[in-house]
N, C-alpha and C. Protein backbone atom coordinates (compact mmCIF):
# COMPACT_ATOMS: atom_id res chain seq x y z
N MET A 1 1.07 -1.21 -0.40
CA MET A 1 -0.47 0.00 0.00
C MET A 1 1.04 0.48 -0.39
N ASP A 2 2.57 1.21 0.80
CA ASP A 2 2.95 2.18 1.02
C ASP A 2 3.71 2.89 -0.66
N ASP A 3 4.06 2.27 -1.31
CA ASP A 3 4.70 1.95 -2.94
C ASP A 3 3.36 2.56 -3.52
N PHE A 4 2.23 2.59 -3.45
CA PHE A 4 1.34 2.57 -4.55
C PHE A 4 0.91 4.30 -4.02
N LEU A 5 0.55 3.88 -2.42
CA LEU A 5 0.33 5.85 -2.18
C LEU A 5 1.58 6.43 -2.30
N GLU A 6 2.64 6.48 -2.73
CA GLU A 6 3.61 7.00 -2.90
C GLU A 6 3.49 7.74 -4.62
N ALA A 7 2.87 6.25 -5.13
CA ALA A 7 3.46 6.59 -6.36
C ALA A 7 1.73 6.94 -6.98
N TRP A 8 1.02 7.00 -6.46
CA TRP A 8 -0.02 7.95 -6.84
C TRP A 8 -0.47 9.07 -5.96
N THR A 9 0.39 9.32 -5.13
CA THR A 9 -0.27 10.82 -4.63
C THR A 9 0.47 11.84 -5.54
N ALA A 10 2.08 11.13 -6.05
CA ALA A 10 2.93 12.38 -6.69
C ALA A 10 1.74 12.89 -8.24
N GLN A 11 1.56 11.72 -8.60
CA GLN A 11 1.37 12.11 -10.44
C GLN A 11 0.04 11.69 -10.37
N VAL A 12 -1.04 11.19 -9.78
CA VAL A 12 -2.57 11.20 -10.82
C VAL A 12 -3.34 12.34 -9.83
N PRO A 13 -3.14 12.44 -9.03
CA PRO A 13 -3.84 13.77 -8.54
C PRO A 13 -3.56 15.42 -9.39
N PRO A 14 -2.21 15.04 -9.46
CA PRO A 14 -2.06 16.70 -10.89
C PRO A 14 -2.19 16.48 -11.64
N LEU A 15 -1.85 15.01 -12.37
CA LEU A 15 -2.07 14.46 -14.15
C LEU A 15 -3.90 15.05 -13.86
N ARG A 16 -4.68 14.20 -13.31
CA ARG A 16 -6.41 15.13 -13.12
C ARG A 16 -6.88 15.99 -13.97
N ARG A 17 -6.01 17.10 -12.62
CA ARG A 17 -6.19 18.20 -12.49
C ARG A 17 -6.24 18.65 -13.75
N ARG A 18 -5.53 18.49 -13.96
CA ARG A 18 -4.78 18.72 -15.28
C ARG A 18 -5.96 18.62 -17.21
N TYR A 19 -5.90 17.66 -16.38
CA TYR A 19 -7.53 17.37 -17.13
C TYR A 19 -9.17 17.42 -16.77
N GLY A 20 -9.22 18.71 -16.03
CA GLY A 20 -10.11 18.90 -15.92
C GLY A 20 -10.76 18.54 -14.51
N PHE A 21 -10.55 17.10 -14.07
CA PHE A 21 -11.04 16.27 -12.84
C PHE A 21 -10.85 17.40 -11.48
N ARG A 22 -11.51 16.95 -10.40
CA ARG A 22 -11.11 18.08 -9.27
C ARG A 22 -12.02 16.41 -7.92
N PHE A 23 -11.10 16.37 -7.15
CA PHE A 23 -10.50 15.66 -6.06
C PHE A 23 -11.56 16.15 -4.67
N LEU A 24 -12.66 15.45 -4.75
CA LEU A 24 -13.04 15.30 -3.52
C LEU A 24 -12.73 14.81 -2.10
N GLY A 25 -11.90 13.61 -2.44
CA GLY A 25 -11.47 13.21 -1.44
C GLY A 25 -10.69 11.05 -1.27
N ALA A 26 -9.56 11.96 -0.64
CA ALA A 26 -8.79 10.01 -1.58
C ALA A 26 -8.72 9.48 0.61
N TRP A 27 -9.44 8.22 0.96
CA TRP A 27 -8.90 7.41 1.77
C TRP A 27 -8.19 5.56 1.43
N VAL A 28 -7.58 5.88 2.55
CA VAL A 28 -7.35 4.37 3.41
C VAL A 28 -7.85 3.44 3.90
N VAL A 29 -8.85 2.11 3.89
CA VAL A 29 -9.38 1.26 4.95
C VAL A 29 -8.56 0.31 5.41
N ASP A 30 -7.82 0.93 6.02
CA ASP A 30 -6.79 -0.49 6.24
C ASP A 30 -6.94 -1.54 6.95
N ASP A 31 -8.35 -1.72 7.43
CA ASP A 31 -8.43 -3.23 8.04
C ASP A 31 -8.52 -4.23 6.45
N ASN A 32 -9.41 -3.47 5.24
CA ASN A 32 -9.25 -4.22 4.59
C ASN A 32 -8.18 -4.06 2.58
N ASP A 33 -7.32 -3.28 3.27
CA ASP A 33 -6.33 -2.59 2.10
C ASP A 33 -6.60 -2.19 1.35
N GLU A 34 -7.49 -1.23 1.67
CA GLU A 34 -8.08 -0.89 -0.09
C GLU A 34 -7.87 0.21 0.30
N PHE A 35 -8.11 0.97 -1.00
CA PHE A 35 -8.51 2.47 -1.47
C PHE A 35 -9.22 2.98 -1.96
N VAL A 36 -9.92 3.90 -1.27
CA VAL A 36 -11.10 5.00 -2.75
C VAL A 36 -11.12 5.93 -2.33
N TRP A 37 -11.37 6.68 -3.57
CA TRP A 37 -11.83 7.84 -4.21
C TRP A 37 -12.77 8.79 -4.54
N ILE A 38 -12.79 9.56 -4.53
CA ILE A 38 -13.93 10.16 -5.62
C ILE A 38 -12.98 11.67 -6.14
N LEU A 39 -13.95 11.91 -6.93
CA LEU A 39 -12.66 12.19 -8.32
C LEU A 39 -14.53 13.16 -9.43
N SER A 40 -14.61 14.45 -9.23
CA SER A 40 -15.55 15.17 -9.66
C SER A 40 -15.05 15.41 -11.44
N TYR A 41 -15.95 15.73 -12.11
CA TYR A 41 -15.88 16.30 -13.60
C TYR A 41 -16.74 17.37 -13.95
N ASP A 42 -16.75 18.25 -14.13
CA ASP A 42 -18.38 18.79 -14.30
C ASP A 42 -18.39 19.49 -15.54
N GLY A 43 -16.65 19.20 -16.37
CA GLY A 43 -16.94 19.69 -18.19
C GLY A 43 -18.08 19.10 -18.93
N PRO A 44 -18.40 20.25 -20.15
CA PRO A 44 -20.00 19.93 -21.06
C PRO A 44 -20.10 18.70 -21.54
N ASP A 45 -18.65 18.25 -21.15
CA ASP A 45 -18.25 17.06 -22.27
C ASP A 45 -18.43 15.69 -21.41
N GLY A 46 -18.64 15.72 -20.87
CA GLY A 46 -19.01 14.41 -19.14
C GLY A 46 -18.05 14.26 -18.89
N PHE A 47 -18.56 13.01 -18.05
CA PHE A 47 -17.09 12.47 -16.76
C PHE A 47 -16.56 11.59 -18.05
N ASP A 48 -17.50 10.26 -19.04
CA ASP A 48 -16.95 10.05 -19.42
C ASP A 48 -15.57 9.94 -20.85
N ALA A 49 -16.32 10.75 -21.25
CA ALA A 49 -15.16 11.71 -22.62
C ALA A 49 -13.80 12.07 -22.19
N ALA A 50 -14.45 13.14 -20.51
CA ALA A 50 -12.85 13.39 -19.82
C ALA A 50 -12.27 12.34 -19.65
N ASP A 51 -13.09 11.13 -18.66
CA ASP A 51 -11.83 9.79 -18.44
C ASP A 51 -11.32 9.19 -19.16
N ALA A 52 -12.14 8.64 -20.44
CA ALA A 52 -11.36 8.44 -22.30
C ALA A 52 -10.39 8.87 -22.65
N ARG A 53 -10.55 10.60 -22.73
CA ARG A 53 -9.40 11.57 -22.24
C ARG A 53 -8.32 10.64 -21.89
N TYR A 54 -8.07 11.41 -20.05
CA TYR A 54 -7.29 11.37 -19.86
C TYR A 54 -6.44 9.28 -19.82
N TYR A 55 -7.52 8.49 -19.95
CA TYR A 55 -6.62 7.44 -20.23
C TYR A 55 -5.95 7.15 -21.06
N ALA A 56 -7.03 7.57 -22.22
CA ALA A 56 -5.50 7.30 -24.07
C ALA A 56 -5.29 8.90 -24.03
N SER A 57 -4.73 9.09 -22.79
CA SER A 57 -3.07 10.31 -23.05
C SER A 57 -1.99 10.35 -23.43
N THR A 58 -1.12 10.70 -23.47
CA THR A 58 0.61 9.91 -23.76
C THR A 58 1.13 10.42 -22.10
N ASP A 59 0.31 11.82 -21.83
CA ASP A 59 0.54 11.67 -19.93
C ASP A 59 0.16 10.90 -19.00
N ARG A 60 -1.29 9.52 -19.28
CA ARG A 60 -1.07 8.99 -18.81
C ARG A 60 -0.46 7.57 -18.74
N ALA A 61 -0.10 7.53 -20.30
CA ALA A 61 0.71 6.22 -20.62
C ALA A 61 2.28 6.24 -19.68
N ALA A 62 2.77 7.63 -19.73
CA ALA A 62 4.27 8.13 -19.23
C ALA A 62 4.20 7.73 -17.70
N LEU A 63 3.25 6.92 -16.78
CA LEU A 63 2.74 7.56 -15.63
C LEU A 63 3.82 6.83 -15.05
N HIS A 64 4.86 6.49 -14.77
CA HIS A 64 6.54 5.79 -13.34
C HIS A 64 6.37 5.85 -12.60
N PRO A 65 6.22 5.13 -11.47
CA PRO A 65 5.80 3.41 -11.65
C PRO A 65 4.74 4.16 -12.20
N ASP A 66 3.49 3.39 -12.37
CA ASP A 66 2.13 3.36 -13.03
C ASP A 66 1.15 3.33 -11.24
N PRO A 67 0.61 3.08 -11.13
CA PRO A 67 -0.23 3.25 -9.69
C PRO A 67 -0.90 2.00 -9.85
N ALA A 68 -1.68 1.43 -11.15
CA ALA A 68 -2.65 0.26 -11.46
C ALA A 68 -1.76 -0.70 -10.80
N GLN A 69 -0.28 -0.77 -11.10
CA GLN A 69 0.21 -2.42 -11.36
C GLN A 69 0.27 -2.67 -9.56
N TRP A 70 0.10 -2.08 -8.91
CA TRP A 70 -0.44 -2.66 -7.58
C TRP A 70 -1.89 -3.32 -6.99
N LEU A 71 -3.26 -2.48 -8.29
CA LEU A 71 -4.14 -3.49 -7.63
C LEU A 71 -4.26 -4.70 -8.21
N GLU A 72 -5.34 -4.86 -7.25
CA GLU A 72 -5.67 -6.06 -7.49
C GLU A 72 -7.05 -6.07 -8.27
N THR A 73 -8.19 -5.08 -7.80
CA THR A 73 -9.83 -5.38 -8.45
C THR A 73 -9.67 -4.00 -8.67
N ILE A 74 -10.64 -3.14 -9.84
CA ILE A 74 -11.28 -1.98 -9.73
C ILE A 74 -12.16 -1.70 -9.75
N GLU A 75 -13.17 -1.36 -9.09
CA GLU A 75 -14.30 -0.60 -8.63
C GLU A 75 -14.89 0.05 -8.99
N HIS A 76 -15.70 0.97 -10.50
CA HIS A 76 -16.05 2.30 -10.42
C HIS A 76 -17.61 2.31 -10.08
N VAL A 77 -17.88 3.60 -9.00
CA VAL A 77 -19.23 3.53 -8.48
C VAL A 77 -19.57 4.93 -9.32
N ARG A 78 -20.88 5.52 -9.40
CA ARG A 78 -21.07 6.72 -9.71
C ARG A 78 -22.21 6.85 -8.66
N LEU A 79 -22.07 8.20 -8.15
CA LEU A 79 -22.26 8.36 -7.17
C LEU A 79 -23.28 9.79 -7.50
N ARG A 80 -24.75 10.41 -6.70
CA ARG A 80 -25.85 11.56 -7.27
C ARG A 80 -25.17 12.40 -5.46
N ALA A 81 -24.66 13.48 -6.05
CA ALA A 81 -24.64 14.23 -5.10
C ALA A 81 -26.57 14.64 -4.34
N ILE A 82 -26.75 14.35 -2.90
CA ILE A 82 -27.77 14.56 -2.38
C ILE A 82 -27.67 16.36 -1.70
N LEU A 83 -26.68 16.21 -1.55
CA LEU A 83 -26.20 17.84 -0.59
C LEU A 83 -25.02 18.20 -1.78
N PRO A 84 -24.80 20.20 -1.62
CA PRO A 84 -23.78 20.46 -2.03
C PRO A 84 -22.55 20.02 -1.05
N THR A 85 -21.46 20.58 -1.73
CA THR A 85 -20.40 19.94 -0.92
C THR A 85 -19.65 21.11 -0.34
N ASP A 86 -19.03 21.35 0.93
CA ASP A 86 -18.52 22.60 1.55
C ASP A 86 -17.96 23.00 0.44
């Protein structure tokens, strides 16, 4: 987890922000060795288009070390806000 967090925090948030994403938070569930993060995108093209653009970018391909190498499974969940963020 420590290697993943080091690679992820140094690379992913700055790059995602460059692509217009906003971070609402990131957490580690210590008991399960899980990582959870909430990401948003408010651009006119929508989250899916922005996410595809991010993953297709040469910037994303150049991440080294690639944090994804430490992931066993990935689950994406769409959330709908019922209260505004602070």
